[in-house]
Amino acid sequence: MKLSEIVSQDVTEKKGSLETLLTMLRSKANTRGVGSKISIDSLNSLMRNVGHSITYSELDTFVKNDETIDNLIADYNQEIITLNTDDTIDKDDNAVEVGNQDTVKKMAKRATKRRN
């Protein structure tokens, strides 16, 4: 086995561990119905628990070169990562909320009754 194959395997394992960890964090945030931010230090600590470490420059490289990891992260800087959860995804402004039309009708009827 060549040294380049070992290094390549380590990078692949690190990327897989990062993807799994980000997916788990995103899933927990979606379950709670909240957005999720994590510091680079906390992410590195979690990565060390699975046998790898990560720096901002490695994270930046993964985000730029891997579409899956890029889709899991909404925004990041040298201190904090914001995960792309249901809460952080921009909602369509034209979408009608369920029950919204009925609520407006009821409010209009009440206003009309008050005038009489």
PDB file of N, CA and C in Angstrom:
ATOM      1  N   MET A   1       0.851  -1.167   0.000  1.00  0.00           N
ATOM      2  CA  MET A   1       0.000   0.000   0.000  1.00  0.00           C
ATOM      3  C   MET A   1       0.900   1.235   0.000  1.00  0.00           C
ATOM      4  N   LYS A   2       0.567   2.173  -0.857  1.00  0.00           N
ATOM      5  CA  LYS A   2       1.351   3.392  -0.982  1.00  0.00           C
ATOM      6  C   LYS A   2       0.894   4.419   0.040  1.00  0.00           C
ATOM      7  N   LEU A   3       1.785   5.345   0.368  1.00  0.00           N
ATOM      8  CA  LEU A   3       1.465   6.400   1.321  1.00  0.00           C
ATOM      9  C   LEU A   3       0.306   7.257   0.835  1.00  0.00           C
ATOM     10  N   SER A   4       0.247   7.521  -0.469  1.00  0.00           N
ATOM     11  CA  SER A   4      -0.840   8.340  -1.015  1.00  0.00           C
ATOM     12  C   SER A   4      -2.190   7.648  -0.847  1.00  0.00           C
ATOM     13  N   GLU A   5      -2.228   6.315  -0.911  1.00  0.00           N
ATOM     14  CA  GLU A   5      -3.470   5.587  -0.709  1.00  0.00           C
ATOM     15  C   GLU A   5      -3.940   5.690   0.745  1.00  0.00           C
ATOM     16  N   ILE A   6      -2.996   5.678   1.686  1.00  0.00           N
ATOM     17  CA  ILE A   6      -3.331   5.803   3.106  1.00  0.00           C
ATOM     18  C   ILE A   6      -3.886   7.193   3.389  1.00  0.00           C
ATOM     19  N   VAL A   7      -3.233   8.233   2.860  1.00  0.00           N
ATOM     20  CA  VAL A   7      -3.683   9.608   3.060  1.00  0.00           C
ATOM     21  C   VAL A   7      -5.060   9.795   2.438  1.00  0.00           C
ATOM     22  N   SER A   8      -5.254   9.269   1.231  1.00  0.00           N
ATOM     23  CA  SER A   8      -6.543   9.386   0.555  1.00  0.00           C
ATOM     24  C   SER A   8      -7.638   8.692   1.350  1.00  0.00           C
ATOM     25  N   GLN A   9      -7.345   7.539   1.912  1.00  0.00           N
ATOM     26  CA  GLN A   9      -8.322   6.804   2.707  1.00  0.00           C
ATOM     27  C   GLN A   9      -8.664   7.586   3.978  1.00  0.00           C
ATOM     28  N   ASP A  10      -7.675   8.215   4.602  1.00  0.00           N
ATOM     29  CA  ASP A  10      -7.909   9.008   5.807  1.00  0.00           C
ATOM     30  C   ASP A  10      -8.819  10.196   5.503  1.00  0.00           C
ATOM     31  N   VAL A  11      -8.582  10.864   4.382  1.00  0.00           N
ATOM     32  CA  VAL A  11      -9.414  12.007   3.991  1.00  0.00           C
ATOM     33  C   VAL A  11     -10.838  11.539   3.706  1.00  0.00           C
ATOM     34  N   THR A  12     -10.980  10.421   3.036  1.00  0.00           N
ATOM     35  CA  THR A  12     -12.306   9.874   2.730  1.00  0.00           C
ATOM     36  C   THR A  12     -13.055   9.511   4.008  1.00  0.00           C
ATOM     37  N   GLU A  13     -12.365   8.907   4.961  1.00  0.00           N
ATOM     38  CA  GLU A  13     -12.998   8.549   6.234  1.00  0.00           C
ATOM     39  C   GLU A  13     -13.388   9.805   7.015  1.00  0.00           C
ATOM     40  N   LYS A  14     -12.515  10.815   6.993  1.00  0.00           N
ATOM     41  CA  LYS A  14     -12.813  12.066   7.700  1.00  0.00           C
ATOM     42  C   LYS A  14     -14.036  12.740   7.091  1.00  0.00           C
ATOM     43  N   LYS A  15     -14.092  12.762   5.758  1.00  0.00           N
ATOM     44  CA  LYS A  15     -15.230  13.376   5.072  1.00  0.00           C
ATOM     45  C   LYS A  15     -16.518  12.616   5.398  1.00  0.00           C
ATOM     46  N   GLY A  16     -16.450  11.305   5.412  1.00  0.00           N
ATOM     47  CA  GLY A  16     -17.621  10.493   5.752  1.00  0.00           C
ATOM     48  C   GLY A  16     -18.076  10.720   7.178  1.00  0.00           C
ATOM     49  N   SER A  17     -17.125  10.826   8.106  1.00  0.00           N
ATOM     50  CA  SER A  17     -17.464  11.083   9.508  1.00  0.00           C
ATOM     51  C   SER A  17     -18.089  12.461   9.666  1.00  0.00           C
ATOM     52  N   LEU A  18     -17.545  13.460   8.975  1.00  0.00           N
ATOM     53  CA  LEU A  18     -18.094  14.807   9.037  1.00  0.00           C
ATOM     54  C   LEU A  18     -19.509  14.836   8.475  1.00  0.00           C
ATOM     55  N   GLU A  19     -19.718  14.174   7.358  1.00  0.00           N
ATOM     56  CA  GLU A  19     -21.048  14.135   6.739  1.00  0.00           C
ATOM     57  C   GLU A  19     -22.063  13.465   7.666  1.00  0.00           C
ATOM     58  N   THR A  20     -21.674  12.365   8.283  1.00  0.00           N
ATOM     59  CA  THR A  20     -22.556  11.657   9.204  1.00  0.00           C
ATOM     60  C   THR A  20     -22.884  12.519  10.421  1.00  0.00           C
ATOM     61  N   LEU A  21     -21.878  13.184  10.968  1.00  0.00           N
ATOM     62  CA  LEU A  21     -22.070  14.033  12.135  1.00  0.00           C
ATOM     63  C   LEU A  21     -22.974  15.225  11.821  1.00  0.00           C
ATOM     64  N   LEU A  22     -22.747  15.879  10.686  1.00  0.00           N
ATOM     65  CA  LEU A  22     -23.587  17.015  10.301  1.00  0.00           C
ATOM     66  C   LEU A  22     -25.024  16.584  10.032  1.00  0.00           C
ATOM     67  N   THR A  23     -25.193  15.415   9.433  1.00  0.00           N
ATOM     68  CA  THR A  23     -26.534  14.884   9.171  1.00  0.00           C
ATOM     69  C   THR A  23     -27.265  14.608  10.479  1.00  0.00           C
ATOM     70  N   MET A  24     -26.550  14.054  11.456  1.00  0.00           N
ATOM     71  CA  MET A  24     -27.156  13.775  12.762  1.00  0.00           C
ATOM     72  C   MET A  24     -27.565  15.077  13.456  1.00  0.00           C
ATOM     73  N   LEU A  25     -26.686  16.079  13.446  1.00  0.00           N
ATOM     74  CA  LEU A  25     -26.996  17.362  14.075  1.00  0.00           C
ATOM     75  C   LEU A  25     -28.175  18.046  13.387  1.00  0.00           C
ATOM     76  N   ARG A  26     -28.212  17.953  12.064  1.00  0.00           N
ATOM     77  CA  ARG A  26     -29.313  18.551  11.300  1.00  0.00           C
ATOM     78  C   ARG A  26     -30.631  17.850  11.630  1.00  0.00           C
ATOM     79  N   SER A  27     -30.593  16.541  11.714  1.00  0.00           N
ATOM     80  CA  SER A  27     -31.793  15.764  12.022  1.00  0.00           C
ATOM     81  C   SER A  27     -32.333  16.118  13.407  1.00  0.00           C
ATOM     82  N   LYS A  28     -31.437  16.249  14.389  1.00  0.00           N
ATOM     83  CA  LYS A  28     -31.876  16.621  15.739  1.00  0.00           C
ATOM     84  C   LYS A  28     -32.497  18.009  15.746  1.00  0.00           C
ATOM     85  N   ALA A  29     -31.901  18.939  15.014  1.00  0.00           N
ATOM     86  CA  ALA A  29     -32.446  20.301  14.955  1.00  0.00           C
ATOM     87  C   ALA A  29     -33.811  20.306  14.275  1.00  0.00           C
ATOM     88  N   ASN A  30     -33.961  19.544  13.197  1.00  0.00           N
ATOM     89  CA  ASN A  30     -35.250  19.471  12.501  1.00  0.00           C
ATOM     90  C   ASN A  30     -36.324  18.854  13.389  1.00  0.00           C
ATOM     91  N   THR A  31     -35.951  17.861  14.190  1.00  0.00           N
ATOM     92  CA  THR A  31     -36.893  17.222  15.097  1.00  0.00           C
ATOM     93  C   THR A  31     -37.397  18.222  16.135  1.00  0.00           C
ATOM     94  N   ARG A  32     -36.487  19.071  16.619  1.00  0.00           N
ATOM     95  CA  ARG A  32     -36.863  20.082  17.613  1.00  0.00           C
ATOM     96  C   ARG A  32     -37.521  21.293  16.974  1.00  0.00           C
ATOM     97  N   GLY A  33     -37.411  21.419  15.654  1.00  0.00           N
ATOM     98  CA  GLY A  33     -38.017  22.547  14.946  1.00  0.00           C
ATOM     99  C   GLY A  33     -37.271  23.849  15.139  1.00  0.00           C
ATOM    100  N   VAL A  34     -35.960  23.764  15.313  1.00  0.00           N
ATOM    101  CA  VAL A  34     -35.145  24.962  15.514  1.00  0.00           C
ATOM    102  C   VAL A  34     -33.962  24.947  14.557  1.00  0.00           C
ATOM    103  N   GLY A  35     -33.340  26.103  14.404  1.00  0.00           N
ATOM    104  CA  GLY A  35     -32.102  26.179  13.647  1.00  0.00           C
ATOM    105  C   GLY A  35     -30.973  25.635  14.496  1.00  0.00           C
ATOM    106  N   SER A  36     -29.820  25.441  13.886  1.00  0.00           N
ATOM    107  CA  SER A  36     -28.712  24.890  14.639  1.00  0.00           C
ATOM    108  C   SER A  36     -27.412  25.550  14.220  1.00  0.00           C
ATOM    109  N   LYS A  37     -26.686  26.037  15.212  1.00  0.00           N
ATOM    110  CA  LYS A  37     -25.358  26.586  15.015  1.00  0.00           C
ATOM    111  C   LYS A  37     -24.410  25.838  15.928  1.00  0.00           C
ATOM    112  N   ILE A  38     -23.202  25.614  15.446  1.00  0.00           N
ATOM    113  CA  ILE A  38     -22.196  24.926  16.247  1.00  0.00           C
ATOM    114  C   ILE A  38     -20.854  25.601  15.988  1.00  0.00           C
ATOM    115  N   SER A  39     -20.069  25.743  17.035  1.00  0.00           N
ATOM    116  CA  SER A  39     -18.759  26.362  16.864  1.00  0.00           C
ATOM    117  C   SER A  39     -17.793  25.366  16.235  1.00  0.00           C
ATOM    118  N   ILE A  40     -16.770  25.891  15.597  1.00  0.00           N
ATOM    119  CA  ILE A  40     -15.747  25.035  14.982  1.00  0.00           C
ATOM    120  C   ILE A  40     -15.076  24.186  16.072  1.00  0.00           C
ATOM    121  N   ASP A  41     -14.842  24.780  17.246  1.00  0.00           N
ATOM    122  CA  ASP A  41     -14.222  24.030  18.348  1.00  0.00           C
ATOM    123  C   ASP A  41     -15.104  22.868  18.797  1.00  0.00           C
ATOM    124  N   SER A  42     -16.410  23.098  18.903  1.00  0.00           N
ATOM    125  CA  SER A  42     -17.332  22.025  19.300  1.00  0.00           C
ATOM    126  C   SER A  42     -17.384  20.937  18.232  1.00  0.00           C
ATOM    127  N   LEU A  43     -17.405  21.355  16.967  1.00  0.00           N
ATOM    128  CA  LEU A  43     -17.398  20.376  15.878  1.00  0.00           C
ATOM    129  C   LEU A  43     -16.124  19.547  15.921  1.00  0.00           C
ATOM    130  N   ASN A  44     -14.992  20.205  16.170  1.00  0.00           N
ATOM    131  CA  ASN A  44     -13.724  19.494  16.262  1.00  0.00           C
ATOM    132  C   ASN A  44     -13.743  18.510  17.425  1.00  0.00           C
ATOM    133  N   SER A  45     -14.335  18.897  18.537  1.00  0.00           N
ATOM    134  CA  SER A  45     -14.448  18.009  19.689  1.00  0.00           C
ATOM    135  C   SER A  45     -15.293  16.779  19.358  1.00  0.00           C
ATOM    136  N   LEU A  46     -16.415  16.999  18.672  1.00  0.00           N
ATOM    137  CA  LEU A  46     -17.254  15.870  18.253  1.00  0.00           C
ATOM    138  C   LEU A  46     -16.523  14.978  17.253  1.00  0.00           C
ATOM    139  N   MET A  47     -15.777  15.595  16.368  1.00  0.00           N
ATOM    140  CA  MET A  47     -15.018  14.807  15.384  1.00  0.00           C
ATOM    141  C   MET A  47     -13.927  13.982  16.077  1.00  0.00           C
ATOM    142  N   ARG A  48     -13.298  14.534  17.115  1.00  0.00           N
ATOM    143  CA  ARG A  48     -12.277  13.781  17.857  1.00  0.00           C
ATOM    144  C   ARG A  48     -12.901  12.561  18.527  1.00  0.00           C
ATOM    145  N   ASN A  49     -14.182  12.662  18.916  1.00  0.00           N
ATOM    146  CA  ASN A  49     -14.864  11.506  19.523  1.00  0.00           C
ATOM    147  C   ASN A  49     -15.012  10.345  18.547  1.00  0.00           C
ATOM    148  N   VAL A  50     -15.019  10.635  17.249  1.00  0.00           N
ATOM    149  CA  VAL A  50     -15.123   9.570  16.247  1.00  0.00           C
ATOM    150  C   VAL A  50     -13.776   9.252  15.606  1.00  0.00           C
ATOM    151  N   GLY A  51     -12.698   9.821  16.165  1.00  0.00           N
ATOM    152  CA  GLY A  51     -11.358   9.451  15.723  1.00  0.00           C
ATOM    153  C   GLY A  51     -10.700  10.371  14.718  1.00  0.00           C
ATOM    154  N   HIS A  52     -11.265  11.535  14.485  1.00  0.00           N
ATOM    155  CA  HIS A  52     -10.689  12.492  13.536  1.00  0.00           C
ATOM    156  C   HIS A  52     -10.701  13.880  14.166  1.00  0.00           C
ATOM    157  N   SER A  53      -9.933  14.777  13.571  1.00  0.00           N
ATOM    158  CA  SER A  53     -10.025  16.181  13.964  1.00  0.00           C
ATOM    159  C   SER A  53     -10.246  16.985  12.692  1.00  0.00           C
ATOM    160  N   ILE A  54     -10.735  18.211  12.853  1.00  0.00           N
ATOM    161  CA  ILE A  54     -11.006  19.029  11.678  1.00  0.00           C
ATOM    162  C   ILE A  54     -10.658  20.480  11.988  1.00  0.00           C
ATOM    163  N   THR A  55     -10.115  21.152  11.011  1.00  0.00           N
ATOM    164  CA  THR A  55      -9.802  22.569  11.133  1.00  0.00           C
ATOM    165  C   THR A  55     -10.717  23.340  10.195  1.00  0.00           C
ATOM    166  N   TYR A  56     -10.710  24.660  10.348  1.00  0.00           N
ATOM    167  CA  TYR A  56     -11.535  25.496   9.472  1.00  0.00           C
ATOM    168  C   TYR A  56     -11.120  25.321   8.010  1.00  0.00           C
ATOM    169  N   SER A  57      -9.827  25.265   7.746  1.00  0.00           N
ATOM    170  CA  SER A  57      -9.376  25.138   6.355  1.00  0.00           C
ATOM    171  C   SER A  57      -9.805  23.809   5.746  1.00  0.00           C
ATOM    172  N   GLU A  58      -9.802  22.728   6.542  1.00  0.00           N
ATOM    173  CA  GLU A  58     -10.281  21.441   6.036  1.00  0.00           C
ATOM    174  C   GLU A  58     -11.781  21.499   5.771  1.00  0.00           C
ATOM    175  N   LEU A  59     -12.520  22.106   6.689  1.00  0.00           N
ATOM    176  CA  LEU A  59     -13.960  22.262   6.507  1.00  0.00           C
ATOM    177  C   LEU A  59     -14.252  23.063   5.244  1.00  0.00           C
ATOM    178  N   ASP A  60     -13.526  24.148   5.049  1.00  0.00           N
ATOM    179  CA  ASP A  60     -13.693  24.992   3.868  1.00  0.00           C
ATOM    180  C   ASP A  60     -13.441  24.192   2.593  1.00  0.00           C
ATOM    181  N   THR A  61     -12.414  23.380   2.598  1.00  0.00           N
ATOM    182  CA  THR A  61     -12.114  22.533   1.436  1.00  0.00           C
ATOM    183  C   THR A  61     -13.230  21.535   1.185  1.00  0.00           C
ATOM    184  N   PHE A  62     -13.737  20.893   2.253  1.00  0.00           N
ATOM    185  CA  PHE A  62     -14.824  19.928   2.096  1.00  0.00           C
ATOM    186  C   PHE A  62     -16.084  20.595   1.549  1.00  0.00           C
ATOM    187  N   VAL A  63     -16.409  21.775   2.059  1.00  0.00           N
ATOM    188  CA  VAL A  63     -17.619  22.478   1.607  1.00  0.00           C
ATOM    189  C   VAL A  63     -17.502  22.850   0.133  1.00  0.00           C
ATOM    190  N   LYS A  64     -16.336  23.294  -0.276  1.00  0.00           N
ATOM    191  CA  LYS A  64     -16.140  23.718  -1.662  1.00  0.00           C
ATOM    192  C   LYS A  64     -16.063  22.550  -2.632  1.00  0.00           C
ATOM    193  N   ASN A  65     -15.616  21.379  -2.158  1.00  0.00           N
ATOM    194  CA  ASN A  65     -15.390  20.246  -3.061  1.00  0.00           C
ATOM    195  C   ASN A  65     -16.417  19.128  -2.949  1.00  0.00           C
ATOM    196  N   ASP A  66     -17.286  19.177  -1.960  1.00  0.00           N
ATOM    197  CA  ASP A  66     -18.253  18.099  -1.768  1.00  0.00           C
ATOM    198  C   ASP A  66     -19.656  18.688  -1.685  1.00  0.00           C
ATOM    199  N   GLU A  67     -20.481  18.337  -2.643  1.00  0.00           N
ATOM    200  CA  GLU A  67     -21.838  18.888  -2.725  1.00  0.00           C
ATOM    201  C   GLU A  67     -22.704  18.476  -1.539  1.00  0.00           C
ATOM    202  N   THR A  68     -22.531  17.267  -1.044  1.00  0.00           N
ATOM    203  CA  THR A  68     -23.333  16.790   0.080  1.00  0.00           C
ATOM    204  C   THR A  68     -23.068  17.613   1.334  1.00  0.00           C
ATOM    205  N   ILE A  69     -21.810  17.850   1.640  1.00  0.00           N
ATOM    206  CA  ILE A  69     -21.460  18.648   2.816  1.00  0.00           C
ATOM    207  C   ILE A  69     -21.896  20.089   2.605  1.00  0.00           C
ATOM    208  N   ASP A  70     -21.760  20.597   1.390  1.00  0.00           N
ATOM    209  CA  ASP A  70     -22.202  21.954   1.085  1.00  0.00           C
ATOM    210  C   ASP A  70     -23.707  22.107   1.311  1.00  0.00           C
ATOM    211  N   ASN A  71     -24.481  21.080   0.988  1.00  0.00           N
ATOM    212  CA  ASN A  71     -25.934  21.120   1.185  1.00  0.00           C
ATOM    213  C   ASN A  71     -26.331  21.029   2.659  1.00  0.00           C
ATOM    214  N   LEU A  72     -25.472  20.468   3.498  1.00  0.00           N
ATOM    215  CA  LEU A  72     -25.760  20.349   4.921  1.00  0.00           C
ATOM    216  C   LEU A  72     -25.471  21.638   5.693  1.00  0.00           C
ATOM    217  N   ILE A  73     -24.621  22.503   5.121  1.00  0.00           N
ATOM    218  CA  ILE A  73     -24.197  23.727   5.802  1.00  0.00           C
ATOM    219  C   ILE A  73     -24.790  24.937   5.095  1.00  0.00           C
ATOM    220  N   ALA A  74     -25.538  25.746   5.843  1.00  0.00           N
ATOM    221  CA  ALA A  74     -26.133  26.958   5.276  1.00  0.00           C
ATOM    222  C   ALA A  74     -25.110  28.076   5.200  1.00  0.00           C
ATOM    223  N   ASP A  75     -24.306  28.228   6.255  1.00  0.00           N
ATOM    224  CA  ASP A  75     -23.321  29.297   6.316  1.00  0.00           C
ATOM    225  C   ASP A  75     -22.232  28.889   7.307  1.00  0.00           C
ATOM    226  N   TYR A  76     -21.035  29.381   7.094  1.00  0.00           N
ATOM    227  CA  TYR A  76     -19.949  29.084   8.022  1.00  0.00           C
ATOM    228  C   TYR A  76     -18.897  30.185   7.954  1.00  0.00           C
ATOM    229  N   ASN A  77     -18.202  30.342   9.051  1.00  0.00           N
ATOM    230  CA  ASN A  77     -17.048  31.232   9.106  1.00  0.00           C
ATOM    231  C   ASN A  77     -16.014  30.569  10.009  1.00  0.00           C
ATOM    232  N   GLN A  78     -15.000  31.299  10.404  1.00  0.00           N
ATOM    233  CA  GLN A  78     -13.922  30.676  11.178  1.00  0.00           C
ATOM    234  C   GLN A  78     -14.329  30.348  12.609  1.00  0.00           C
ATOM    235  N   GLU A  79     -15.503  30.793  13.034  1.00  0.00           N
ATOM    236  CA  GLU A  79     -15.929  30.520  14.405  1.00  0.00           C
ATOM    237  C   GLU A  79     -17.165  29.632  14.495  1.00  0.00           C
ATOM    238  N   ILE A  80     -18.153  29.836  13.596  1.00  0.00           N
ATOM    239  CA  ILE A  80     -19.451  29.159  13.739  1.00  0.00           C
ATOM    240  C   ILE A  80     -19.919  28.575  12.408  1.00  0.00           C
ATOM    241  N   ILE A  81     -20.599  27.437  12.521  1.00  0.00           N
ATOM    242  CA  ILE A  81     -21.240  26.790  11.369  1.00  0.00           C
ATOM    243  C   ILE A  81     -22.747  26.839  11.606  1.00  0.00           C
ATOM    244  N   THR A  82     -23.499  27.271  10.602  1.00  0.00           N
ATOM    245  CA  THR A  82     -24.955  27.228  10.661  1.00  0.00           C
ATOM    246  C   THR A  82     -25.416  26.097   9.756  1.00  0.00           C
ATOM    247  N   LEU A  83     -26.107  25.138  10.350  1.00  0.00           N
ATOM    248  CA  LEU A  83     -26.574  23.992   9.572  1.00  0.00           C
ATOM    249  C   LEU A  83     -27.801  24.376   8.759  1.00  0.00           C
ATOM    250  N   ASN A  84     -27.961  23.725   7.639  1.00  0.00           N
ATOM    251  CA  ASN A  84     -29.072  23.976   6.732  1.00  0.00           C
ATOM    252  C   ASN A  84     -30.271  23.143   7.182  1.00  0.00           C
ATOM    253  N   THR A  85     -30.985  23.638   8.191  1.00  0.00           N
ATOM    254  CA  THR A  85     -32.146  22.931   8.733  1.00  0.00           C
ATOM    255  C   THR A  85     -33.419  23.476   8.097  1.00  0.00           C
ATOM    256  N   ASP A  86     -34.534  22.838   8.419  1.00  0.00           N
ATOM    257  CA  ASP A  86     -35.827  23.317   7.917  1.00  0.00           C
ATOM    258  C   ASP A  86     -36.096  24.743   8.389  1.00  0.00           C
ATOM    259  N   ASP A  87     -35.576  25.097   9.548  1.00  0.00           N
ATOM    260  CA  ASP A  87     -35.781  26.426  10.110  1.00  0.00           C
ATOM    261  C   ASP A  87     -34.966  27.495   9.384  1.00  0.00           C
ATOM    262  N   THR A  88     -33.809  27.121   8.819  1.00  0.00           N
ATOM    263  CA  THR A  88     -32.955  28.102   8.155  1.00  0.00           C
ATOM    264  C   THR A  88     -33.226  28.210   6.665  1.00  0.00           C
ATOM    265  N   ILE A  89     -33.996  27.273   6.104  1.00  0.00           N
ATOM    266  CA  ILE A  89     -34.313  27.322   4.675  1.00  0.00           C
ATOM    267  C   ILE A  89     -35.357  28.404   4.454  1.00  0.00           C
ATOM    268  N   ASP A  90     -35.113  29.255   3.469  1.00  0.00           N
ATOM    269  CA  ASP A  90     -36.077  30.309   3.149  1.00  0.00           C
ATOM    270  C   ASP A  90     -37.361  29.681   2.639  1.00  0.00           C
ATOM    271  N   LYS A  91     -38.469  30.111   3.204  1.00  0.00           N
ATOM    272  CA  LYS A  91     -39.772  29.588   2.783  1.00  0.00           C
ATOM    273  C   LYS A  91     -40.281  30.417   1.619  1.00  0.00           C
ATOM    274  N   ASP A  92     -41.057  29.785   0.766  1.00  0.00           N
ATOM    275  CA  ASP A  92     -41.642  30.452  -0.387  1.00  0.00           C
ATOM    276  C   ASP A  92     -42.650  31.488   0.088  1.00  0.00           C
ATOM    277  N   ASP A  93     -42.471  32.729  -0.322  1.00  0.00           N
ATOM    278  CA  ASP A  93     -43.362  33.803   0.107  1.00  0.00           C
ATOM    279  C   ASP A  93     -44.772  33.641  -0.441  1.00  0.00           C
ATOM    280  N   ASN A  94     -44.942  32.948  -1.554  1.00  0.00           N
ATOM    281  CA  ASN A  94     -46.253  32.795  -2.173  1.00  0.00           C
ATOM    282  C   ASN A  94     -47.043  31.626  -1.597  1.00  0.00           C
ATOM    283  N   ALA A  95     -46.409  30.844  -0.738  1.00  0.00           N
ATOM    284  CA  ALA A  95     -47.097  29.685  -0.172  1.00  0.00           C
ATOM    285  C   ALA A  95     -48.181  30.146   0.795  1.00  0.00           C
ATOM    286  N   VAL A  96     -49.342  29.546   0.666  1.00  0.00           N
ATOM    287  CA  VAL A  96     -50.469  29.877   1.534  1.00  0.00           C
ATOM    288  C   VAL A  96     -50.400  28.967   2.744  1.00  0.00           C
ATOM    289  N   GLU A  97     -50.460  29.548   3.915  1.00  0.00           N
ATOM    290  CA  GLU A  97     -50.445  28.753   5.127  1.00  0.00           C
ATOM    291  C   GLU A  97     -51.788  28.065   5.294  1.00  0.00           C
ATOM    292  N   VAL A  98     -51.754  26.866   5.826  1.00  0.00           N
ATOM    293  CA  VAL A  98     -52.975  26.109   6.035  1.00  0.00           C
ATOM    294  C   VAL A  98     -53.855  26.850   7.034  1.00  0.00           C
ATOM    295  N   GLY A  99     -55.110  27.032   6.681  1.00  0.00           N
ATOM    296  CA  GLY A  99     -56.051  27.689   7.566  1.00  0.00           C
ATOM    297  C   GLY A  99     -56.013  29.199   7.504  1.00  0.00           C
ATOM    298  N   ASN A 100     -55.117  29.763   6.766  1.00  0.00           N
ATOM    299  CA  ASN A 100     -54.970  31.215   6.709  1.00  0.00           C
ATOM    300  C   ASN A 100     -56.191  31.881   6.083  1.00  0.00           C
ATOM    301  N   GLN A 101     -56.724  31.327   5.013  1.00  0.00           N
ATOM    302  CA  GLN A 101     -57.872  31.919   4.338  1.00  0.00           C
ATOM    303  C   GLN A 101     -59.120  31.863   5.210  1.00  0.00           C
ATOM    304  N   ASP A 102     -59.327  30.773   5.922  1.00  0.00           N
ATOM    305  CA  ASP A 102     -60.478  30.646   6.808  1.00  0.00           C
ATOM    306  C   ASP A 102     -60.383  31.643   7.959  1.00  0.00           C
ATOM    307  N   THR A 103     -59.196  31.853   8.462  1.00  0.00           N
ATOM    308  CA  THR A 103     -59.012  32.795   9.565  1.00  0.00           C
ATOM    309  C   THR A 103     -59.389  34.205   9.143  1.00  0.00           C
ATOM    310  N   VAL A 104     -58.984  34.601   7.946  1.00  0.00           N
ATOM    311  CA  VAL A 104     -59.308  35.938   7.452  1.00  0.00           C
ATOM    312  C   VAL A 104     -60.810  36.088   7.275  1.00  0.00           C
ATOM    313  N   LYS A 105     -61.481  35.068   6.765  1.00  0.00           N
ATOM    314  CA  LYS A 105     -62.945  35.124   6.596  1.00  0.00           C
ATOM    315  C   LYS A 105     -63.637  35.294   7.942  1.00  0.00           C
ATOM    316  N   LYS A 106     -63.195  34.543   8.936  1.00  0.00           N
ATOM    317  CA  LYS A 106     -63.799  34.634  10.266  1.00  0.00           C
ATOM    318  C   LYS A 106     -63.579  36.016  10.862  1.00  0.00           C
ATOM    319  N   MET A 107     -62.400  36.565  10.682  1.00  0.00           N
ATOM    320  CA  MET A 107     -62.111  37.893  11.220  1.00  0.00           C
ATOM    321  C   MET A 107     -62.989  38.952  10.541  1.00  0.00           C
ATOM    322  N   ALA A 108     -63.194  38.816   9.234  1.00  0.00           N
ATOM    323  CA  ALA A 108     -64.030  39.773   8.505  1.00  0.00           C
ATOM    324  C   ALA A 108     -65.479  39.689   8.975  1.00  0.00           C
ATOM    325  N   LYS A 109     -65.974  38.477   9.215  1.00  0.00           N
ATOM    326  CA  LYS A 109     -67.347  38.305   9.690  1.00  0.00           C
ATOM    327  C   LYS A 109     -67.524  38.933  11.080  1.00  0.00           C
ATOM    328  N   ARG A 110     -66.545  38.737  11.962  1.00  0.00           N
ATOM    329  CA  ARG A 110     -66.624  39.327  13.305  1.00  0.00           C
ATOM    330  C   ARG A 110     -66.614  40.842  13.225  1.00  0.00           C
ATOM    331  N   ALA A 111     -65.787  41.381  12.345  1.00  0.00           N
ATOM    332  CA  ALA A 111     -65.719  42.855  12.206  1.00  0.00           C
ATOM    333  C   ALA A 111     -67.036  43.392  11.682  1.00  0.00           C
ATOM    334  N   THR A 112     -67.666  42.667  10.751  1.00  0.00           N
ATOM    335  CA  THR A 112     -68.946  43.095  10.207  1.00  0.00           C
ATOM    336  C   THR A 112     -70.026  43.064  11.278  1.00  0.00           C
ATOM    337  N   LYS A 113     -70.045  42.037  12.115  1.00  0.00           N
ATOM    338  CA  LYS A 113     -71.041  41.923  13.189  1.00  0.00           C
ATOM    339  C   LYS A 113     -70.872  43.051  14.204  1.00  0.00           C
ATOM    340  N   ARG A 114     -69.667  43.458  14.472  1.00  0.00           N
ATOM    341  CA  ARG A 114     -69.441  44.535  15.437  1.00  0.00           C
ATOM    342  C   ARG A 114     -69.963  45.874  14.945  1.00  0.00           C
ATOM    343  N   ARG A 115     -69.958  46.083  13.644  1.00  0.00           N
ATOM    344  CA  ARG A 115     -70.439  47.346  13.070  1.00  0.00           C
ATOM    345  C   ARG A 115     -71.952  47.438  13.176  1.00  0.00           C
ATOM    346  N   ASN A 116     -72.647  46.337  13.125  1.00  0.00           N
ATOM    347  CA  ASN A 116     -74.118  46.342  13.143  1.00  0.00           C
ATOM    348  C   ASN A 116     -74.687  46.585  14.480  1.00  0.00           C
TER     349      ASN A 116
END
